[in-house]
Amino acid sequence: MTSPTVALCMNVRDSANQLAQLLPCLSPLMDETVIVVDASSHDRTEEVARYWATSVISAPFEDDYSTFRNLSLRQVQSDWILVLDADEIVLEWLRQCVALLQRGYI
């Protein structure tokens, strides 16, 4: 039996600093990292995302969060999907949960 896979999906805009803190500790745990960057970002968000993510999509935000979120979800091939905002803090228990998922314990 193969181990379950876990993906991280994010939708971001002007979040370079937050991504630079979040992705180094979380992306290495993921089988996929898909980030949709609002095309109107004015900072280095897309550059930081491309460094850590397996897939980065630049798209215009059209005042509909569900459409923007679904764009990232459609790219994922993993068994489990973790959806986070760039300003969320990843605690040790979340890393442990991801590890348990990947080992098939959850």
Protein backbone atom coordinates (compact mmCIF):
# COMPACT_ATOMS: atom_id res chain seq x y z
CA MET A 1 0.00 0.00 0.00
CA THR A 2 1.36 3.42 -0.92
CA SER A 3 1.49 6.22 1.59
CA PRO A 4 -1.16 8.94 1.30
CA THR A 5 0.06 12.17 -0.26
CA VAL A 6 -0.50 15.67 1.10
CA ALA A 7 -0.67 18.95 -0.80
CA LEU A 8 -0.55 22.53 0.38
CA CYS A 9 -2.77 25.03 -1.46
CA MET A 10 -2.52 28.75 -0.97
CA ASN A 11 -3.98 31.84 -2.58
CA VAL A 12 -1.87 34.92 -1.94
CA ARG A 13 -1.33 38.57 -2.73
CA ASP A 14 1.47 40.83 -1.52
CA SER A 15 2.59 38.09 0.87
CA ALA A 16 6.31 37.70 0.15
CA ASN A 17 7.38 38.15 3.78
CA GLN A 18 4.75 35.75 5.13
CA LEU A 19 5.55 33.11 2.51
CA ALA A 20 9.25 33.41 3.27
CA GLN A 21 8.48 32.47 6.88
CA LEU A 22 5.83 29.81 6.28
CA LEU A 23 7.05 27.85 3.26
CA PRO A 24 10.54 26.81 4.46
CA CYS A 25 9.07 24.93 7.41
CA LEU A 26 6.04 23.47 5.62
CA SER A 27 6.82 22.90 1.94
CA PRO A 28 9.45 20.19 2.60
CA LEU A 29 6.73 18.12 4.28
CA MET A 30 4.35 18.34 1.34
CA ASP A 31 4.16 16.13 -1.72
CA GLU A 32 2.80 19.12 -3.67
CA THR A 33 2.66 22.83 -2.99
CA VAL A 34 0.30 24.77 -5.24
CA ILE A 35 0.13 28.52 -4.91
CA VAL A 36 -2.12 30.86 -6.84
CA VAL A 37 -0.70 34.38 -6.83
CA ASP A 38 -2.94 37.37 -7.45
CA ALA A 39 -1.53 38.90 -10.62
CA SER A 40 -1.77 42.36 -9.07
CA SER A 41 0.75 41.61 -6.29
CA HIS A 42 3.29 44.41 -5.95
CA ASP A 43 6.01 42.65 -3.96
CA ARG A 44 8.15 39.53 -4.45
CA THR A 45 5.28 37.13 -3.69
CA GLU A 46 5.50 35.25 -6.97
CA GLU A 47 9.30 34.95 -6.78
CA VAL A 48 9.17 33.51 -3.24
CA ALA A 49 6.33 31.18 -4.21
CA ARG A 50 8.23 29.85 -7.24
CA TYR A 51 11.25 29.07 -5.08
CA TRP A 52 9.29 26.80 -2.71
CA ALA A 53 6.24 25.58 -4.60
CA THR A 54 5.88 22.75 -7.09
CA SER A 55 3.31 24.82 -8.99
CA VAL A 56 2.64 28.55 -9.11
CA ILE A 57 -0.21 30.08 -11.06
CA SER A 58 -0.53 33.80 -11.64
CA ALA A 59 -4.15 34.83 -12.04
CA PRO A 60 -6.23 37.95 -11.65
CA PHE A 61 -8.47 38.10 -8.59
CA GLU A 62 -12.03 38.81 -9.67
CA ASP A 63 -13.73 39.50 -6.32
CA ASP A 64 -14.69 35.85 -5.89
CA TYR A 65 -12.66 33.90 -3.35
CA SER A 66 -14.25 30.57 -4.24
CA THR A 67 -13.22 30.80 -7.90
CA PHE A 68 -9.69 31.77 -6.89
CA ARG A 69 -9.51 28.93 -4.33
CA ASN A 70 -10.93 26.36 -6.77
CA LEU A 71 -8.22 27.26 -9.27
CA SER A 72 -5.58 25.98 -6.85
CA LEU A 73 -7.59 22.93 -5.81
CA ARG A 74 -8.02 21.79 -9.43
CA GLN A 75 -4.23 21.53 -9.79
CA VAL A 76 -3.78 19.05 -6.94
CA GLN A 77 -3.24 15.32 -7.40
CA SER A 78 -2.69 14.45 -3.72
CA ASP A 79 -4.96 12.42 -1.44
CA TRP A 80 -5.17 15.17 1.19
CA ILE A 81 -5.17 18.95 0.77
CA LEU A 82 -4.14 21.48 3.38
CA VAL A 83 -5.44 24.98 2.59
CA LEU A 84 -3.70 27.85 4.38
CA ASP A 85 -3.55 31.61 4.21
CA ALA A 86 -0.12 33.22 4.06
CA ASP A 87 -0.47 34.82 7.48
CA GLU A 88 -1.19 31.58 9.32
CA ILE A 89 1.36 30.21 11.76
CA VAL A 90 2.33 26.56 11.52
CA LEU A 91 2.74 24.95 14.92
CA GLU A 92 4.56 21.71 15.63
CA TRP A 93 1.30 19.78 16.04
CA LEU A 94 0.39 20.56 12.41
CA ARG A 95 3.71 19.18 11.17
CA GLN A 96 3.11 16.07 13.29
CA CYS A 97 -0.40 15.66 11.83
CA VAL A 98 0.99 15.86 8.29
CA ALA A 99 3.58 13.22 9.14
CA LEU A 100 0.85 10.94 10.55
CA LEU A 101 -1.25 11.42 7.40
CA GLN A 102 1.68 10.49 5.20
CA ARG A 103 2.32 7.34 7.22
CA GLY A 104 -1.32 6.34 6.85
CA TYR A 105 -2.19 6.65 10.53
CA ILE A 106 -5.03 9.13 9.97
